[in-house]
Amino acid sequence: MGLPRETRTVWHDLELRVRAEDPEVLDYVSSQHRLAREEPDRAATRIDIEAVSSPSRLAELTARPATERRESYAGWWYGCHRNEDGAFVLVSQEGHEFPHALITTDFLTWEIVAAHEHELGLVVTRTMRELVREHFVDRGALMLHGAAAVLPDGTGVVLAGPSGAGKTSAAVQLARAGGYCVATDRCLLLADGPERVVVGLPLSTRLTREAAAGLGIEPGEKDGLIRHGEAAVRRPDPKGKISLSNGEMRRLAGVEFLASTRIDTLVLLENTGAPQPLSGPVAEGEAVSALAEHILVPDTAYRGRWLSADASPEPAGDVKGRLGELVAAVPARHATWTPATYRSDVLAAWLAPRAGTEKTGDPS
């Protein structure tokens, strides 16, 4: 191997730099986090990651007795100890699908050690996702099970609703209509100075076969996806979905991503199966209750800040009160539709903010 190379990503105000000797690791990381354009130079925090493949080093770290255990947001357990130099070490415990260790002295500089090179890219991107989540939760963000997008006219939209409501479909189709996708499944609602901002959690876009076909992605295309670690990422999806990186979504479906956007409107989506889409304003109290059902973080009864010096649970605070402030500042609409049949060429106009209280249908 040659000298380590580096890739840089700015996620709203968080800069992440990854160094690795294997160029395939960096290609994988870059594809997962590909953005349509670089964020303005506003990074307030920088995290550095060194990615290393070393079975012997991992075995040595794994042999050390754990002094505590931490649970990741994804539900995996890690045994933790301090090295002789004072570095904090988290080692994935038995049952984890990709054995690895995370080493840090200050929780801003990390070394990620995996047993196999072909799994390293996946471990790095998952760790980056957790670091992004913890950074913005620490800043007071609420994590929502929802999607977000930018309309072609620049309007920022947060899309909330139950599973199957069409959040991912709407975000992807808005990007294909000339806008941008910000999040397809998880997003962070943040008060950023005077503005309300939504930050996407960096995740692969998961599509059903039908949704992929609707984007023009042929069934055979998944065999040509850029993958680092074939065995790791080709395991069967429990819902039969395929996972695509940001780079793959751009190449195969023409979908561009941004890390964040200002929130201009909130849309509560519902898949009714009705042929005629409808939307209309919703009362603030109803909007707060609907959004609260899909808030994933904070959850003081479950997750701690597992990649922070202080691993105590995230403070819950007044979640509904914070959502109330958001809804008071940003208009909310209730939208009913059928994702499988709705035309993308009118989706942006249908979801755009509107004045008035009347119910509105397909603007075409």
Protein backbone atom coordinates (compact mmCIF):
# COMPACT_ATOMS: atom_id res chain seq x y z
CA MET A 1 0.00 0.00 0.00
CA GLY A 2 1.10 3.60 -0.59
CA LEU A 3 0.77 6.67 1.53
CA PRO A 4 -2.65 7.40 3.05
CA ARG A 5 -5.04 9.44 0.94
CA GLU A 6 -7.80 11.68 2.24
CA THR A 7 -11.39 12.57 1.49
CA ARG A 8 -13.23 15.54 2.99
CA THR A 9 -16.94 16.04 3.62
CA VAL A 10 -18.69 19.08 5.11
CA TRP A 11 -22.09 18.18 6.56
CA HIS A 12 -23.79 21.50 7.31
CA ASP A 13 -21.33 22.86 9.92
CA LEU A 14 -19.45 19.62 10.62
CA GLU A 15 -16.28 18.80 8.67
CA LEU A 16 -15.23 15.15 8.46
CA ARG A 17 -11.87 14.07 7.03
CA VAL A 18 -11.10 10.41 6.37
CA ARG A 19 -7.62 9.03 5.64
CA ALA A 20 -6.96 5.51 4.38
CA GLU A 21 -4.33 3.68 2.37
CA ASP A 22 -6.85 1.71 0.32
CA PRO A 23 -8.37 3.97 -2.38
CA GLU A 24 -11.47 1.76 -2.52
CA VAL A 25 -12.29 2.71 1.07
CA LEU A 26 -12.23 6.41 0.19
CA ASP A 27 -14.20 5.82 -3.03
CA TYR A 28 -16.89 4.09 -1.01
CA VAL A 29 -16.98 6.86 1.62
CA SER A 30 -17.10 9.55 -1.08
CA SER A 31 -19.94 7.83 -2.93
CA GLN A 32 -21.99 7.51 0.24
CA HIS A 33 -21.59 11.20 1.09
CA ARG A 34 -21.61 12.75 -2.39
CA LEU A 35 -23.27 16.18 -2.45
CA ALA A 36 -24.35 18.36 -5.36
CA ARG A 37 -22.19 21.18 -4.07
CA GLU A 38 -19.91 21.93 -1.18
CA GLU A 39 -21.41 23.56 1.87
CA PRO A 40 -20.43 27.19 2.52
CA ASP A 41 -17.26 27.48 4.60
CA ARG A 42 -19.02 27.45 7.96
CA ALA A 43 -17.62 24.28 9.55
CA ALA A 44 -17.48 24.89 13.29
CA THR A 45 -16.27 21.42 14.26
CA ARG A 46 -13.80 19.09 12.57
CA ILE A 47 -13.55 15.33 13.02
CA ASP A 48 -10.56 13.37 11.70
CA ILE A 49 -10.75 9.63 11.00
CA GLU A 50 -7.88 7.27 10.20
CA ALA A 51 -9.15 4.01 8.69
CA VAL A 52 -6.91 0.96 9.12
CA SER A 53 -7.23 -2.72 8.25
CA SER A 54 -5.22 -4.90 10.67
CA PRO A 55 -6.46 -8.28 11.94
CA SER A 56 -3.58 -8.55 14.42
CA ARG A 57 -4.19 -5.07 15.87
CA LEU A 58 -7.90 -5.75 16.19
CA ALA A 59 -7.19 -9.07 17.93
CA GLU A 60 -4.92 -7.28 20.40
CA LEU A 61 -7.55 -4.66 21.18
CA THR A 62 -10.27 -7.28 21.49
CA ALA A 63 -8.19 -9.27 24.03
CA ARG A 64 -8.18 -6.38 26.51
CA PRO A 65 -10.78 -6.71 29.30
CA ALA A 66 -13.66 -4.23 29.06
CA THR A 67 -14.25 -1.82 31.92
CA GLU A 68 -17.65 -0.69 30.64
CA ARG A 69 -20.14 -1.38 27.87
CA ARG A 70 -21.88 1.03 25.53
CA GLU A 71 -24.77 0.44 23.17
CA SER A 72 -24.74 2.10 19.76
CA TYR A 73 -27.80 3.77 18.33
CA ALA A 74 -28.18 0.81 15.97
CA GLY A 75 -28.34 -1.54 18.95
CA TRP A 76 -24.84 -3.08 18.79
CA TRP A 77 -22.86 -3.47 22.01
CA TYR A 78 -19.25 -2.39 22.47
CA GLY A 79 -16.78 -3.28 25.20
CA CYS A 80 -14.73 -0.25 26.28
CA HIS A 81 -11.36 0.25 27.98
CA ARG A 82 -8.49 2.73 28.23
CA ASN A 83 -5.15 2.10 26.54
CA GLU A 84 -1.85 2.76 28.30
CA ASP A 85 -1.66 6.14 26.53
CA GLY A 86 -5.09 7.09 27.85
CA ALA A 87 -6.94 6.59 24.56
CA PHE A 88 -10.54 5.42 24.86
CA VAL A 89 -11.24 2.21 22.92
CA LEU A 90 -14.61 0.76 21.89
CA VAL A 91 -14.48 -2.80 20.55
CA SER A 92 -17.48 -4.38 18.81
CA GLN A 93 -18.64 -7.36 20.81
CA GLU A 94 -19.61 -10.87 19.79
CA GLY A 95 -22.46 -10.96 17.31
CA HIS A 96 -21.55 -7.75 15.48
CA GLU A 97 -21.62 -8.38 11.73
CA PHE A 98 -18.34 -6.49 11.09
CA PRO A 99 -15.72 -6.77 13.87
CA HIS A 100 -13.91 -3.49 14.46
CA ALA A 101 -12.57 -1.08 17.06
CA LEU A 102 -12.89 2.68 17.48
CA ILE A 103 -10.06 4.54 19.22
CA THR A 104 -10.02 8.18 20.31
CA THR A 105 -8.16 10.49 22.65
CA ASP A 106 -10.49 13.49 22.43
CA PHE A 107 -13.67 12.24 20.66
CA LEU A 108 -12.78 14.41 17.67
CA THR A 109 -9.84 12.38 16.34
CA TRP A 110 -10.64 8.72 15.64
CA GLU A 111 -8.86 5.63 14.44
CA ILE A 112 -11.09 2.88 13.03
CA VAL A 113 -9.54 -0.59 12.92
CA ALA A 114 -11.29 -3.40 11.01
CA ALA A 115 -10.25 -6.96 10.44
CA HIS A 116 -10.74 -6.93 6.68
CA GLU A 117 -10.19 -4.24 4.05
CA HIS A 118 -13.39 -5.14 2.22
CA GLU A 119 -15.45 -4.21 5.33
CA LEU A 120 -13.58 -1.05 6.27
CA GLY A 121 -15.51 1.38 4.06
CA LEU A 122 -18.84 0.24 5.45
CA VAL A 123 -17.64 0.50 9.05
CA VAL A 124 -16.28 4.00 8.41
CA THR A 125 -19.52 5.28 6.85
CA ARG A 126 -21.61 3.86 9.68
CA THR A 127 -19.34 5.51 12.23
CA MET A 128 -19.54 8.82 10.36
CA ARG A 129 -23.32 8.60 10.47
CA GLU A 130 -23.23 8.18 14.26
CA LEU A 131 -20.78 11.06 14.65
CA VAL A 132 -23.08 13.30 12.59
CA ARG A 133 -26.07 12.29 14.71
CA GLU A 134 -24.30 12.94 17.99
CA HIS A 135 -22.89 16.28 16.82
CA PHE A 136 -26.29 17.70 15.95
CA VAL A 137 -28.17 16.14 18.86
CA ASP A 138 -25.57 17.75 21.12
CA ARG A 139 -26.50 21.05 19.45
CA GLY A 140 -30.14 20.48 20.41
CA ALA A 141 -31.45 18.85 17.23
CA LEU A 142 -34.40 16.47 17.23
CA MET A 143 -34.02 13.39 15.04
CA LEU A 144 -37.12 12.66 13.00
CA HIS A 145 -38.13 9.52 11.15
CA GLY A 146 -38.82 11.49 8.01
CA ALA A 147 -37.45 12.79 4.74
CA ALA A 148 -36.52 16.23 3.45
CA ALA A 149 -35.99 17.89 0.10
CA VAL A 150 -35.52 21.18 -1.69
CA LEU A 151 -38.13 22.08 -4.29
CA PRO A 152 -36.95 23.40 -7.67
CA ASP A 153 -37.79 26.94 -6.52
CA GLY A 154 -35.52 26.58 -3.46
CA THR A 155 -38.26 25.86 -0.89
CA GLY A 156 -37.10 23.51 1.87
CA VAL A 157 -39.61 20.80 2.77
CA VAL A 158 -39.69 18.33 5.67
CA LEU A 159 -41.79 15.23 4.97
CA ALA A 160 -43.18 13.30 7.95
CA GLY A 161 -45.56 10.39 8.20
CA PRO A 162 -45.83 6.69 9.02
CA SER A 163 -43.95 3.95 7.17
CA GLY A 164 -45.39 3.57 3.69
CA ALA A 165 -46.57 7.18 3.49
CA GLY A 166 -44.22 7.85 0.58
CA LYS A 167 -41.63 10.06 2.29
CA THR A 168 -38.68 8.58 0.38
CA SER A 169 -40.59 8.57 -2.91
CA ALA A 170 -41.56 12.22 -2.49
CA ALA A 171 -38.03 13.36 -1.61
CA VAL A 172 -36.50 11.46 -4.53
CA GLN A 173 -39.10 12.66 -7.03
CA LEU A 174 -38.69 16.27 -5.92
CA ALA A 175 -34.97 15.97 -6.62
CA ARG A 176 -35.66 14.46 -10.04
CA ALA A 177 -38.01 17.35 -10.78
CA GLY A 178 -35.10 19.78 -10.47
CA GLY A 179 -34.68 20.09 -6.72
CA TYR A 180 -32.45 18.29 -4.23
CA CYS A 181 -32.82 15.43 -1.80
CA VAL A 182 -31.69 16.13 1.77
CA ALA A 183 -32.84 12.99 3.60
CA THR A 184 -34.74 9.86 2.65
CA ASP A 185 -35.40 8.27 6.05
CA ARG A 186 -33.84 10.17 8.97
CA CYS A 187 -33.34 13.89 9.44
CA LEU A 188 -32.33 16.29 12.19
CA LEU A 189 -34.46 19.34 12.99
CA LEU A 190 -32.20 22.13 14.21
CA ALA A 191 -32.64 25.69 15.41
CA ASP A 192 -29.58 27.28 13.78
CA GLY A 193 -29.54 30.87 14.96
CA PRO A 194 -32.64 32.62 13.62
CA GLU A 195 -33.30 29.88 11.04
CA ARG A 196 -34.95 26.47 11.29
CA VAL A 197 -32.78 23.98 9.44
CA VAL A 198 -33.13 20.32 8.52
CA VAL A 199 -29.94 18.26 8.26
CA GLY A 200 -30.00 14.89 6.58
CA LEU A 201 -28.58 11.90 8.42
CA PRO A 202 -26.15 10.28 5.94
CA LEU A 203 -27.83 7.00 5.04
CA SER A 204 -28.13 4.91 1.91
CA THR A 205 -31.40 5.38 0.04
CA ARG A 206 -33.42 2.17 0.36
CA LEU A 207 -35.85 1.47 -2.46
CA THR A 208 -38.36 -1.27 -3.15
CA ARG A 209 -38.06 -3.02 -6.50
CA GLU A 210 -41.14 -1.14 -7.68
CA ALA A 211 -39.74 2.24 -6.60
CA ALA A 212 -36.40 1.46 -8.25
CA ALA A 213 -38.18 0.48 -11.48
CA GLY A 214 -40.15 3.73 -11.33
CA LEU A 215 -36.86 5.62 -11.31
CA GLY A 216 -35.67 3.72 -14.36
CA ILE A 217 -33.29 1.47 -12.43
CA GLU A 218 -33.47 -1.92 -14.08
CA PRO A 219 -33.40 -5.07 -11.86
CA GLY A 220 -30.00 -6.06 -13.23
CA GLU A 221 -28.49 -2.68 -12.32
CA LYS A 222 -28.05 -3.72 -8.69
CA ASP A 223 -25.41 -6.22 -9.78
CA GLY A 224 -23.27 -3.34 -11.06
CA LEU A 225 -23.50 -1.10 -8.02
CA ILE A 226 -20.29 0.26 -6.58
CA ARG A 227 -19.73 -1.81 -3.47
CA HIS A 228 -16.90 -2.08 -1.01
CA GLY A 229 -17.32 -5.44 0.65
CA GLU A 230 -19.60 -7.60 -1.47
CA ALA A 231 -20.54 -10.02 1.30
CA ALA A 232 -21.23 -7.15 3.69
CA VAL A 233 -23.71 -5.23 1.59
CA ARG A 234 -25.36 -7.93 -0.48
CA ARG A 235 -26.97 -9.70 2.45
CA PRO A 236 -30.75 -10.04 1.92
CA ASP A 237 -32.77 -7.02 2.97
CA PRO A 238 -35.65 -8.04 5.27
CA LYS A 239 -38.05 -5.93 3.19
CA GLY A 240 -36.54 -6.83 -0.17
CA LYS A 241 -35.18 -3.32 -0.72
CA ILE A 242 -31.94 -2.31 -2.40
CA SER A 243 -29.60 0.30 -0.91
CA LEU A 244 -28.03 3.02 -3.03
CA SER A 245 -25.36 5.55 -2.12
CA ASN A 246 -25.72 9.23 -2.99
CA GLY A 247 -23.30 8.71 -5.87
CA GLU A 248 -25.31 5.79 -7.21
CA MET A 249 -28.58 7.72 -6.94
CA ARG A 250 -27.02 10.48 -9.04
CA ARG A 251 -25.63 8.07 -11.63
CA LEU A 252 -28.66 5.80 -11.94
CA ALA A 253 -31.58 8.12 -11.19
CA GLY A 254 -30.34 11.69 -11.65
CA VAL A 255 -30.92 12.51 -7.96
CA GLU A 256 -28.68 15.14 -6.36
CA PHE A 257 -28.23 15.58 -2.59
CA LEU A 258 -27.59 18.45 -0.20
CA ALA A 259 -26.58 18.00 3.44
CA SER A 260 -29.07 20.54 4.78
CA THR A 261 -31.60 23.22 3.92
CA ARG A 262 -33.73 25.87 5.57
CA ILE A 263 -37.18 24.57 6.59
CA ASP A 264 -39.86 26.53 4.76
CA THR A 265 -42.78 24.11 5.11
CA LEU A 266 -43.73 20.93 6.96
CA VAL A 267 -45.75 18.26 5.15
CA LEU A 268 -47.56 15.46 6.98
CA LEU A 269 -47.88 12.74 4.35
CA GLU A 270 -50.50 10.00 4.28
CA ASN A 271 -50.84 7.24 1.70
CA THR A 272 -54.59 6.77 1.27
CA GLY A 273 -54.63 4.92 -2.05
CA ALA A 274 -57.03 7.55 -3.38
CA PRO A 275 -56.61 8.56 -7.05
CA GLN A 276 -56.88 12.30 -6.30
CA PRO A 277 -54.16 13.89 -4.13
CA LEU A 278 -55.30 16.52 -1.65
CA SER A 279 -53.51 18.85 0.72
CA GLY A 280 -54.46 21.58 3.13
CA PRO A 281 -53.28 23.45 6.23
CA VAL A 282 -53.24 21.69 9.59
CA ALA A 283 -53.69 23.22 13.05
CA GLU A 284 -50.53 23.78 15.07
CA GLY A 285 -51.53 21.42 17.87
CA GLU A 286 -52.35 18.64 15.43
CA ALA A 287 -49.06 19.16 13.61
CA VAL A 288 -47.08 18.98 16.86
CA SER A 289 -48.79 15.74 17.90
CA ALA A 290 -48.24 14.18 14.45
CA LEU A 291 -44.54 15.12 14.40
CA ALA A 292 -43.97 13.95 17.98
CA GLU A 293 -45.01 10.42 16.98
CA HIS A 294 -41.99 10.22 14.68
CA ILE A 295 -39.30 11.78 16.89
CA LEU A 296 -36.53 9.21 17.47
CA VAL A 297 -34.04 11.26 19.48
CA PRO A 298 -33.92 12.18 22.29
CA ASP A 299 -35.07 8.96 23.96
CA THR A 300 -33.74 8.98 27.51
CA ALA A 301 -35.05 5.48 28.24
CA TYR A 302 -32.99 3.91 25.48
CA ARG A 303 -29.93 5.46 23.87
CA GLY A 304 -26.93 7.19 25.35
CA ARG A 305 -24.37 9.36 23.60
CA TRP A 306 -22.18 6.37 22.91
CA LEU A 307 -19.48 8.23 20.94
CA SER A 308 -19.13 11.07 23.43
CA ALA A 309 -16.98 11.53 26.50
CA ASP A 310 -20.22 11.73 28.49
CA ALA A 311 -22.26 8.64 27.64
CA SER A 312 -25.29 9.62 29.70
CA PRO A 313 -28.66 9.63 27.90
CA GLU A 314 -29.54 12.58 25.74
CA PRO A 315 -31.57 15.12 27.74
CA ALA A 316 -35.14 14.99 26.53
CA GLY A 317 -36.17 18.50 27.46
CA ASP A 318 -39.58 19.63 26.28
CA VAL A 319 -39.88 17.88 22.91
CA LYS A 320 -43.43 19.03 22.22
CA GLY A 321 -42.52 22.53 23.28
CA ARG A 322 -39.63 22.60 20.82
CA LEU A 323 -41.85 21.20 18.08
CA GLY A 324 -44.41 23.86 18.95
CA GLU A 325 -41.81 26.56 18.35
CA LEU A 326 -41.01 24.99 14.97
CA VAL A 327 -44.65 24.74 13.91
CA ALA A 328 -45.31 28.33 15.03
CA ALA A 329 -42.48 29.50 12.78
CA VAL A 330 -43.07 27.20 9.77
CA PRO A 331 -46.42 26.41 8.07
CA ALA A 332 -47.59 22.79 8.15
CA ARG A 333 -49.81 20.95 5.66
CA HIS A 334 -51.53 17.58 5.62
CA ALA A 335 -51.17 15.81 2.27
CA THR A 336 -52.88 12.61 1.13
CA TRP A 337 -51.73 10.81 -2.01
CA THR A 338 -50.82 7.54 -3.67
CA PRO A 339 -47.04 7.46 -4.22
CA ALA A 340 -47.13 4.73 -6.86
CA THR A 341 -49.36 6.68 -9.23
CA TYR A 342 -48.65 10.36 -8.64
CA ARG A 343 -46.85 12.22 -11.42
CA SER A 344 -43.51 13.76 -10.43
CA ASP A 345 -43.91 16.69 -12.81
CA VAL A 346 -46.59 18.23 -10.56
CA LEU A 347 -45.30 17.04 -7.20
CA ALA A 348 -43.29 20.21 -6.49
CA ALA A 349 -46.26 22.49 -7.16
CA TRP A 350 -48.54 20.31 -5.03
CA LEU A 351 -46.23 20.39 -1.99
CA ALA A 352 -45.26 24.06 -2.24
CA PRO A 353 -46.39 26.33 0.64
CA ARG A 354 -49.70 28.04 0.01
CA ALA A 355 -51.80 30.63 1.76
CA GLY A 356 -55.39 30.00 2.71
CA THR A 357 -57.28 27.22 4.43
CA GLU A 358 -58.95 25.46 1.54
CA LYS A 359 -58.17 21.90 0.56
CA THR A 360 -56.29 21.76 -2.71
CA GLY A 361 -55.89 18.98 -5.22
CA ASP A 362 -53.59 18.18 -8.10
CA PRO A 363 -52.41 21.57 -9.41
CA SER A 364 -52.19 20.27 -12.96
